[in-house]
Amino acid sequence: MDDSTFNANGKSMATNGYCLVATPTCGEFTNREDKIKSVYPLEQNQNKPIKLQEIKDKLALFPTVDCFDETEQKCNACYGSGLVDFEFDYERKSYELEGECPICEGEGTTLQTSKIPNGKKNLTTINYFKLVYVHLMLSV
């Protein structure tokens, strides 16, 4: 677990180095109570509760993208073995070696994405929105 999510003062906190968001304790994160006072000066802290409905309303305005089904299929390059033969010539000699298939990376299968959307929608990869005086980032 990285240091950007931690517990302190009876809360779970997350930061991007610019902004700190705190919630009631919701995980077994490292206790950093001894460190936060020097990093987040109390005179700059704002104790501003945000209602969940406010966040949901903002998220409803986010742009969405279509979702597509992915199915696992046998790799056509290595016929599912995960290995391929390589052949090359150098100074009038032929060399042949067997190695990991570069298409499926040795797995023997590849993911095929459908061409038609499945009807589901997801938020775009990264979105920003302003809520009260805090800028929040959502990574999906």
N, C-alpha and C. Protein backbone atom coordinates (compact mmCIF):
# COMPACT_ATOMS: atom_id res chain seq x y z
N MET A 1 0.85 -1.16 0.00
CA MET A 1 0.00 0.00 0.00
C MET A 1 0.90 1.23 0.00
N ASP A 2 0.57 2.28 -0.75
CA ASP A 2 1.42 3.46 -0.79
C ASP A 2 1.10 4.41 0.35
N ASP A 3 1.94 5.43 0.51
CA ASP A 3 1.79 6.38 1.61
C ASP A 3 0.72 7.43 1.38
N SER A 4 0.04 7.42 0.23
CA SER A 4 -0.96 8.45 -0.03
C SER A 4 -2.30 8.14 0.62
N THR A 5 -2.48 6.94 1.16
CA THR A 5 -3.69 6.58 1.89
C THR A 5 -3.26 6.06 3.26
N PHE A 6 -3.82 6.64 4.31
CA PHE A 6 -3.37 6.30 5.66
C PHE A 6 -4.46 6.62 6.67
N ASN A 7 -4.27 6.17 7.91
CA ASN A 7 -5.18 6.50 9.01
C ASN A 7 -4.48 7.46 9.95
N ALA A 8 -5.27 8.41 10.50
CA ALA A 8 -4.77 9.33 11.51
C ALA A 8 -5.97 10.02 12.15
N ASN A 9 -5.85 10.31 13.45
CA ASN A 9 -6.91 11.02 14.18
C ASN A 9 -8.27 10.36 14.03
N GLY A 10 -8.31 9.05 13.98
CA GLY A 10 -9.58 8.33 13.88
C GLY A 10 -10.25 8.41 12.53
N LYS A 11 -9.49 8.77 11.50
CA LYS A 11 -10.04 8.89 10.15
C LYS A 11 -9.13 8.19 9.15
N SER A 12 -9.70 7.82 8.00
CA SER A 12 -8.91 7.36 6.87
C SER A 12 -8.73 8.56 5.96
N MET A 13 -7.50 8.74 5.49
CA MET A 13 -7.18 9.92 4.69
C MET A 13 -6.48 9.52 3.41
N ALA A 14 -6.66 10.35 2.39
CA ALA A 14 -5.98 10.15 1.11
C ALA A 14 -5.53 11.51 0.62
N THR A 15 -4.36 11.52 -0.04
CA THR A 15 -3.84 12.79 -0.55
C THR A 15 -3.17 12.59 -1.89
N ASN A 16 -3.15 13.67 -2.66
CA ASN A 16 -2.38 13.69 -3.89
C ASN A 16 -1.20 14.64 -3.75
N GLY A 17 -0.90 15.06 -2.52
CA GLY A 17 0.19 15.97 -2.25
C GLY A 17 -0.24 17.43 -2.27
N TYR A 18 -1.45 17.68 -2.72
CA TYR A 18 -1.97 19.04 -2.80
C TYR A 18 -3.21 19.17 -1.91
N CYS A 19 -3.99 18.14 -1.88
CA CYS A 19 -5.27 18.16 -1.19
C CYS A 19 -5.38 16.89 -0.35
N LEU A 20 -6.02 17.02 0.82
CA LEU A 20 -6.23 15.88 1.71
C LEU A 20 -7.72 15.68 1.89
N VAL A 21 -8.18 14.45 1.72
CA VAL A 21 -9.58 14.10 1.93
C VAL A 21 -9.63 13.09 3.07
N ALA A 22 -10.53 13.33 4.03
CA ALA A 22 -10.64 12.45 5.18
C ALA A 22 -12.06 11.91 5.28
N THR A 23 -12.19 10.64 5.67
CA THR A 23 -13.49 10.00 5.88
C THR A 23 -13.43 9.27 7.21
N PRO A 24 -14.56 8.84 7.74
CA PRO A 24 -14.48 7.96 8.91
C PRO A 24 -13.60 6.75 8.56
N THR A 25 -12.92 6.21 9.55
CA THR A 25 -11.99 5.10 9.31
C THR A 25 -12.66 4.00 8.50
N CYS A 26 -12.03 3.64 7.37
CA CYS A 26 -12.65 2.65 6.48
C CYS A 26 -11.65 1.62 5.97
N GLY A 27 -10.51 1.48 6.61
CA GLY A 27 -9.56 0.48 6.15
C GLY A 27 -8.40 0.32 7.11
N GLU A 28 -7.66 -0.73 6.92
CA GLU A 28 -6.48 -1.00 7.74
C GLU A 28 -5.26 -0.37 7.09
N PHE A 29 -5.19 0.96 7.11
CA PHE A 29 -4.08 1.68 6.50
C PHE A 29 -3.04 1.99 7.58
N THR A 30 -1.84 2.31 7.18
CA THR A 30 -0.77 2.64 8.10
C THR A 30 -1.16 3.88 8.92
N ASN A 31 -0.89 3.84 10.23
CA ASN A 31 -1.19 4.99 11.08
C ASN A 31 -0.07 6.01 10.92
N ARG A 32 -0.42 7.20 10.47
CA ARG A 32 0.56 8.28 10.23
C ARG A 32 0.25 9.49 11.12
N GLU A 33 -0.38 9.26 12.27
CA GLU A 33 -0.79 10.35 13.14
C GLU A 33 0.37 11.27 13.52
N ASP A 34 1.54 10.69 13.74
CA ASP A 34 2.71 11.48 14.15
C ASP A 34 3.27 12.34 13.03
N LYS A 35 2.92 12.06 11.78
CA LYS A 35 3.49 12.77 10.63
C LYS A 35 2.61 13.90 10.10
N ILE A 36 1.28 13.82 10.24
CA ILE A 36 0.42 14.74 9.50
C ILE A 36 0.46 16.17 9.99
N LYS A 37 0.77 16.42 11.27
CA LYS A 37 0.74 17.80 11.77
C LYS A 37 1.81 18.67 11.11
N SER A 38 2.93 18.08 10.75
CA SER A 38 3.97 18.88 10.10
C SER A 38 3.70 19.04 8.60
N VAL A 39 2.93 18.14 8.04
CA VAL A 39 2.66 18.19 6.60
C VAL A 39 1.41 19.02 6.30
N TYR A 40 0.40 18.91 7.13
CA TYR A 40 -0.87 19.61 6.93
C TYR A 40 -1.10 20.54 8.11
N PRO A 41 -0.59 21.78 8.05
CA PRO A 41 -0.74 22.73 9.17
C PRO A 41 -2.21 22.95 9.52
N LEU A 42 -2.50 22.96 10.81
CA LEU A 42 -3.88 23.08 11.26
C LEU A 42 -4.54 24.37 10.81
N GLU A 43 -3.79 25.49 10.68
CA GLU A 43 -4.41 26.75 10.30
C GLU A 43 -4.92 26.72 8.86
N GLN A 44 -4.49 25.78 8.05
CA GLN A 44 -4.96 25.68 6.68
C GLN A 44 -6.03 24.61 6.50
N ASN A 45 -6.27 23.82 7.52
CA ASN A 45 -7.26 22.75 7.41
C ASN A 45 -8.67 23.31 7.37
N GLN A 46 -9.51 22.70 6.58
CA GLN A 46 -10.93 23.04 6.52
C GLN A 46 -11.72 21.79 6.84
N ASN A 47 -12.54 21.86 7.84
CA ASN A 47 -13.38 20.72 8.18
C ASN A 47 -14.72 20.96 7.51
N LYS A 48 -14.83 20.53 6.26
CA LYS A 48 -16.03 20.77 5.47
C LYS A 48 -16.67 19.44 5.10
N PRO A 49 -17.70 19.03 5.82
CA PRO A 49 -18.37 17.78 5.44
C PRO A 49 -19.01 17.92 4.06
N ILE A 50 -18.94 16.87 3.27
CA ILE A 50 -19.55 16.85 1.95
C ILE A 50 -20.58 15.72 1.93
N LYS A 51 -21.78 16.05 1.54
CA LYS A 51 -22.84 15.05 1.50
C LYS A 51 -22.63 14.11 0.33
N LEU A 52 -22.89 12.85 0.54
CA LEU A 52 -22.74 11.84 -0.49
C LEU A 52 -23.60 12.18 -1.71
N GLN A 53 -24.79 12.69 -1.49
CA GLN A 53 -25.67 13.03 -2.61
C GLN A 53 -25.06 14.11 -3.49
N GLU A 54 -24.29 15.04 -2.88
CA GLU A 54 -23.62 16.08 -3.64
C GLU A 54 -22.59 15.47 -4.60
N ILE A 55 -21.87 14.49 -4.11
CA ILE A 55 -20.88 13.81 -4.95
C ILE A 55 -21.58 13.02 -6.05
N LYS A 56 -22.66 12.32 -5.71
CA LYS A 56 -23.40 11.55 -6.71
C LYS A 56 -23.96 12.46 -7.80
N ASP A 57 -24.46 13.64 -7.41
CA ASP A 57 -25.00 14.58 -8.39
C ASP A 57 -23.92 15.05 -9.35
N LYS A 58 -22.72 15.33 -8.84
CA LYS A 58 -21.60 15.75 -9.69
C LYS A 58 -21.18 14.61 -10.62
N LEU A 59 -21.12 13.40 -10.09
CA LEU A 59 -20.72 12.25 -10.91
C LEU A 59 -21.71 11.98 -12.04
N ALA A 60 -23.00 12.28 -11.79
CA ALA A 60 -24.02 12.06 -12.82
C ALA A 60 -23.80 12.97 -14.03
N LEU A 61 -23.06 14.05 -13.85
CA LEU A 61 -22.79 14.99 -14.95
C LEU A 61 -21.55 14.60 -15.77
N PHE A 62 -20.80 13.64 -15.29
CA PHE A 62 -19.57 13.25 -15.97
C PHE A 62 -19.85 12.63 -17.33
N PRO A 63 -18.97 12.87 -18.31
CA PRO A 63 -19.12 12.18 -19.59
C PRO A 63 -18.85 10.68 -19.42
N THR A 64 -19.56 9.90 -20.22
CA THR A 64 -19.37 8.45 -20.16
C THR A 64 -18.93 7.92 -21.51
N VAL A 65 -18.42 6.71 -21.50
CA VAL A 65 -18.02 6.03 -22.74
C VAL A 65 -18.71 4.67 -22.79
N ASP A 66 -18.89 4.17 -23.99
CA ASP A 66 -19.50 2.85 -24.17
C ASP A 66 -18.56 1.76 -23.67
N CYS A 67 -19.13 0.69 -23.14
CA CYS A 67 -18.37 -0.48 -22.72
C CYS A 67 -18.50 -1.57 -23.78
N PHE A 68 -17.48 -2.36 -23.91
CA PHE A 68 -17.46 -3.47 -24.87
C PHE A 68 -17.11 -4.74 -24.13
N ASP A 69 -17.68 -5.86 -24.58
CA ASP A 69 -17.35 -7.16 -24.00
C ASP A 69 -15.99 -7.62 -24.49
N GLU A 70 -15.25 -8.27 -23.61
CA GLU A 70 -13.97 -8.87 -23.98
C GLU A 70 -14.06 -10.37 -23.75
N THR A 71 -13.62 -11.12 -24.73
CA THR A 71 -13.61 -12.58 -24.59
C THR A 71 -12.19 -13.08 -24.81
N GLU A 72 -11.85 -14.09 -24.06
CA GLU A 72 -10.53 -14.70 -24.19
C GLU A 72 -10.57 -15.74 -25.29
N GLN A 73 -9.61 -15.64 -26.22
CA GLN A 73 -9.55 -16.60 -27.32
C GLN A 73 -8.14 -17.14 -27.46
N LYS A 74 -8.05 -18.32 -28.07
CA LYS A 74 -6.75 -18.91 -28.33
C LYS A 74 -5.96 -18.00 -29.27
N CYS A 75 -4.69 -17.78 -28.96
CA CYS A 75 -3.84 -16.91 -29.77
C CYS A 75 -3.63 -17.55 -31.15
N ASN A 76 -3.89 -16.77 -32.19
CA ASN A 76 -3.72 -17.27 -33.55
C ASN A 76 -2.25 -17.33 -33.98
N ALA A 77 -1.39 -16.55 -33.34
CA ALA A 77 0.01 -16.52 -33.74
C ALA A 77 0.76 -17.78 -33.30
N CYS A 78 0.46 -18.27 -32.09
CA CYS A 78 1.18 -19.44 -31.56
C CYS A 78 0.27 -20.66 -31.43
N TYR A 79 -0.97 -20.52 -31.88
CA TYR A 79 -1.97 -21.60 -31.80
C TYR A 79 -2.20 -22.07 -30.37
N GLY A 80 -2.06 -21.13 -29.41
CA GLY A 80 -2.36 -21.44 -28.02
C GLY A 80 -1.21 -22.02 -27.22
N SER A 81 -0.05 -22.24 -27.84
CA SER A 81 1.07 -22.84 -27.11
C SER A 81 1.85 -21.82 -26.28
N GLY A 82 1.78 -20.55 -26.65
CA GLY A 82 2.55 -19.53 -25.95
C GLY A 82 3.97 -19.40 -26.47
N LEU A 83 4.36 -20.27 -27.40
CA LEU A 83 5.72 -20.26 -27.94
C LEU A 83 5.69 -20.16 -29.46
N VAL A 84 6.69 -19.48 -30.01
CA VAL A 84 6.83 -19.38 -31.47
C VAL A 84 8.29 -19.63 -31.84
N ASP A 85 8.52 -20.03 -33.09
CA ASP A 85 9.86 -20.24 -33.61
C ASP A 85 10.31 -19.00 -34.36
N PHE A 86 11.54 -18.58 -34.10
CA PHE A 86 12.14 -17.46 -34.81
C PHE A 86 13.28 -17.99 -35.67
N GLU A 87 13.40 -17.44 -36.87
CA GLU A 87 14.48 -17.85 -37.76
C GLU A 87 15.12 -16.60 -38.35
N PHE A 88 16.46 -16.56 -38.34
CA PHE A 88 17.15 -15.43 -38.94
C PHE A 88 18.47 -15.90 -39.52
N ASP A 89 18.97 -15.13 -40.47
CA ASP A 89 20.23 -15.43 -41.14
C ASP A 89 21.26 -14.37 -40.79
N TYR A 90 22.50 -14.85 -40.59
CA TYR A 90 23.59 -13.93 -40.31
C TYR A 90 24.88 -14.54 -40.85
N GLU A 91 25.58 -13.79 -41.69
CA GLU A 91 26.83 -14.24 -42.30
C GLU A 91 26.72 -15.66 -42.86
N ARG A 92 25.76 -15.83 -43.74
CA ARG A 92 25.52 -17.08 -44.47
C ARG A 92 25.19 -18.28 -43.58
N LYS A 93 24.72 -18.02 -42.38
CA LYS A 93 24.26 -19.10 -41.50
C LYS A 93 22.83 -18.80 -41.09
N SER A 94 22.04 -19.86 -40.95
CA SER A 94 20.66 -19.74 -40.49
C SER A 94 20.58 -20.13 -39.02
N TYR A 95 19.85 -19.36 -38.28
CA TYR A 95 19.66 -19.63 -36.86
C TYR A 95 18.17 -19.75 -36.58
N GLU A 96 17.82 -20.65 -35.70
CA GLU A 96 16.43 -20.86 -35.32
C GLU A 96 16.35 -20.98 -33.81
N LEU A 97 15.39 -20.30 -33.23
CA LEU A 97 15.21 -20.44 -31.80
C LEU A 97 13.73 -20.36 -31.46
N GLU A 98 13.39 -20.92 -30.32
CA GLU A 98 12.01 -20.90 -29.84
C GLU A 98 11.94 -19.89 -28.70
N GLY A 99 10.89 -19.09 -28.70
CA GLY A 99 10.73 -18.10 -27.64
C GLY A 99 9.28 -17.80 -27.36
N GLU A 100 9.08 -16.95 -26.38
CA GLU A 100 7.75 -16.54 -25.97
C GLU A 100 7.05 -15.78 -27.10
N CYS A 101 5.81 -16.11 -27.32
CA CYS A 101 5.03 -15.45 -28.37
C CYS A 101 4.88 -13.96 -28.04
N PRO A 102 5.28 -13.08 -28.95
CA PRO A 102 5.17 -11.64 -28.67
C PRO A 102 3.73 -11.12 -28.74
N ILE A 103 2.84 -11.88 -29.33
CA ILE A 103 1.45 -11.44 -29.45
C ILE A 103 0.69 -11.66 -28.14
N CYS A 104 0.79 -12.85 -27.58
CA CYS A 104 0.07 -13.16 -26.34
C CYS A 104 0.97 -13.14 -25.12
N GLU A 105 2.25 -12.78 -25.31
CA GLU A 105 3.25 -12.74 -24.24
C GLU A 105 3.35 -14.07 -23.49
N GLY A 106 3.27 -15.16 -24.24
CA GLY A 106 3.44 -16.49 -23.67
C GLY A 106 2.23 -17.07 -22.99
N GLU A 107 1.11 -16.34 -22.99
CA GLU A 107 -0.10 -16.81 -22.31
C GLU A 107 -0.87 -17.85 -23.12
N GLY A 108 -0.77 -17.80 -24.44
CA GLY A 108 -1.51 -18.74 -25.29
C GLY A 108 -2.90 -18.25 -25.63
N THR A 109 -3.32 -17.15 -25.00
CA THR A 109 -4.64 -16.59 -25.27
C THR A 109 -4.53 -15.07 -25.42
N THR A 110 -5.49 -14.49 -26.12
CA THR A 110 -5.57 -13.04 -26.26
C THR A 110 -7.00 -12.60 -25.95
N LEU A 111 -7.15 -11.35 -25.59
CA LEU A 111 -8.49 -10.80 -25.36
C LEU A 111 -8.98 -10.15 -26.63
N GLN A 112 -10.17 -10.52 -27.04
CA GLN A 112 -10.79 -9.94 -28.22
C GLN A 112 -11.93 -9.03 -27.75
N THR A 113 -11.92 -7.80 -28.21
CA THR A 113 -12.95 -6.83 -27.83
C THR A 113 -14.04 -6.83 -28.89
N SER A 114 -15.28 -6.88 -28.43
CA SER A 114 -16.41 -6.88 -29.37
C SER A 114 -16.45 -5.54 -30.11
N LYS A 115 -16.99 -5.56 -31.30
CA LYS A 115 -17.11 -4.34 -32.12
C LYS A 115 -18.37 -3.56 -31.76
N ILE A 116 -19.33 -4.23 -31.13
CA ILE A 116 -20.61 -3.60 -30.78
C ILE A 116 -20.64 -3.36 -29.26
N PRO A 117 -20.99 -2.15 -28.82
CA PRO A 117 -21.08 -1.88 -27.38
C PRO A 117 -22.11 -2.80 -26.72
N ASN A 118 -21.86 -3.11 -25.44
CA ASN A 118 -22.75 -4.02 -24.73
C ASN A 118 -23.90 -3.30 -24.02
N GLY A 119 -24.01 -1.98 -24.19
CA GLY A 119 -25.11 -1.23 -23.59
C GLY A 119 -24.76 -0.61 -22.25
N LYS A 120 -23.64 -1.00 -21.65
CA LYS A 120 -23.21 -0.41 -20.38
C LYS A 120 -22.37 0.83 -20.66
N LYS A 121 -22.29 1.71 -19.67
CA LYS A 121 -21.51 2.94 -19.78
C LYS A 121 -20.56 3.03 -18.58
N ASN A 122 -19.38 3.59 -18.80
CA ASN A 122 -18.42 3.85 -17.74
C ASN A 122 -18.01 5.30 -17.80
N LEU A 123 -17.57 5.82 -16.64
CA LEU A 123 -16.99 7.16 -16.64
C LEU A 123 -15.70 7.13 -17.44
N THR A 124 -15.34 8.27 -18.03
CA THR A 124 -14.07 8.32 -18.73
C THR A 124 -12.95 8.09 -17.72
N THR A 125 -11.75 7.80 -18.19
CA THR A 125 -10.66 7.36 -17.32
C THR A 125 -10.35 8.30 -16.17
N ILE A 126 -10.15 9.59 -16.44
CA ILE A 126 -9.87 10.54 -15.35
C ILE A 126 -10.73 11.78 -15.56
N ASN A 127 -11.40 12.18 -14.50
CA ASN A 127 -12.23 13.38 -14.54
C ASN A 127 -11.95 14.22 -13.30
N TYR A 128 -12.07 15.52 -13.46
CA TYR A 128 -11.92 16.44 -12.34
C TYR A 128 -13.22 17.21 -12.17
N PHE A 129 -13.54 17.54 -10.93
CA PHE A 129 -14.67 18.41 -10.70
C PHE A 129 -14.42 19.21 -9.43
N LYS A 130 -15.08 20.37 -9.34
CA LYS A 130 -14.92 21.22 -8.18
C LYS A 130 -16.15 21.05 -7.30
N LEU A 131 -15.91 20.77 -6.03
CA LEU A 131 -16.98 20.57 -5.07
C LEU A 131 -16.63 21.41 -3.85
N VAL A 132 -17.42 22.39 -3.54
CA VAL A 132 -17.14 23.35 -2.48
C VAL A 132 -15.84 24.04 -2.86
N TYR A 133 -14.81 24.03 -1.98
CA TYR A 133 -13.52 24.66 -2.29
C TYR A 133 -12.46 23.62 -2.58
N VAL A 134 -12.87 22.39 -2.75
CA VAL A 134 -11.92 21.29 -2.90
C VAL A 134 -12.01 20.75 -4.31
N HIS A 135 -10.87 20.55 -4.94
CA HIS A 135 -10.83 19.88 -6.23
C HIS A 135 -10.60 18.40 -5.97
N LEU A 136 -11.49 17.58 -6.45
CA LEU A 136 -11.34 16.14 -6.27
C LEU A 136 -11.02 15.50 -7.61
N MET A 137 -10.22 14.45 -7.58
CA MET A 137 -9.91 13.71 -8.79
C MET A 137 -10.46 12.31 -8.63
N LEU A 138 -11.12 11.83 -9.64
CA LEU A 138 -11.65 10.48 -9.63
C LEU A 138 -10.94 9.68 -10.69
N SER A 139 -10.29 8.60 -10.30
CA SER A 139 -9.68 7.68 -11.26
C SER A 139 -10.51 6.42 -11.27
N VAL A 140 -10.93 6.02 -12.42
CA VAL A 140 -11.78 4.84 -12.56
C VAL A 140 -10.98 3.73 -13.19
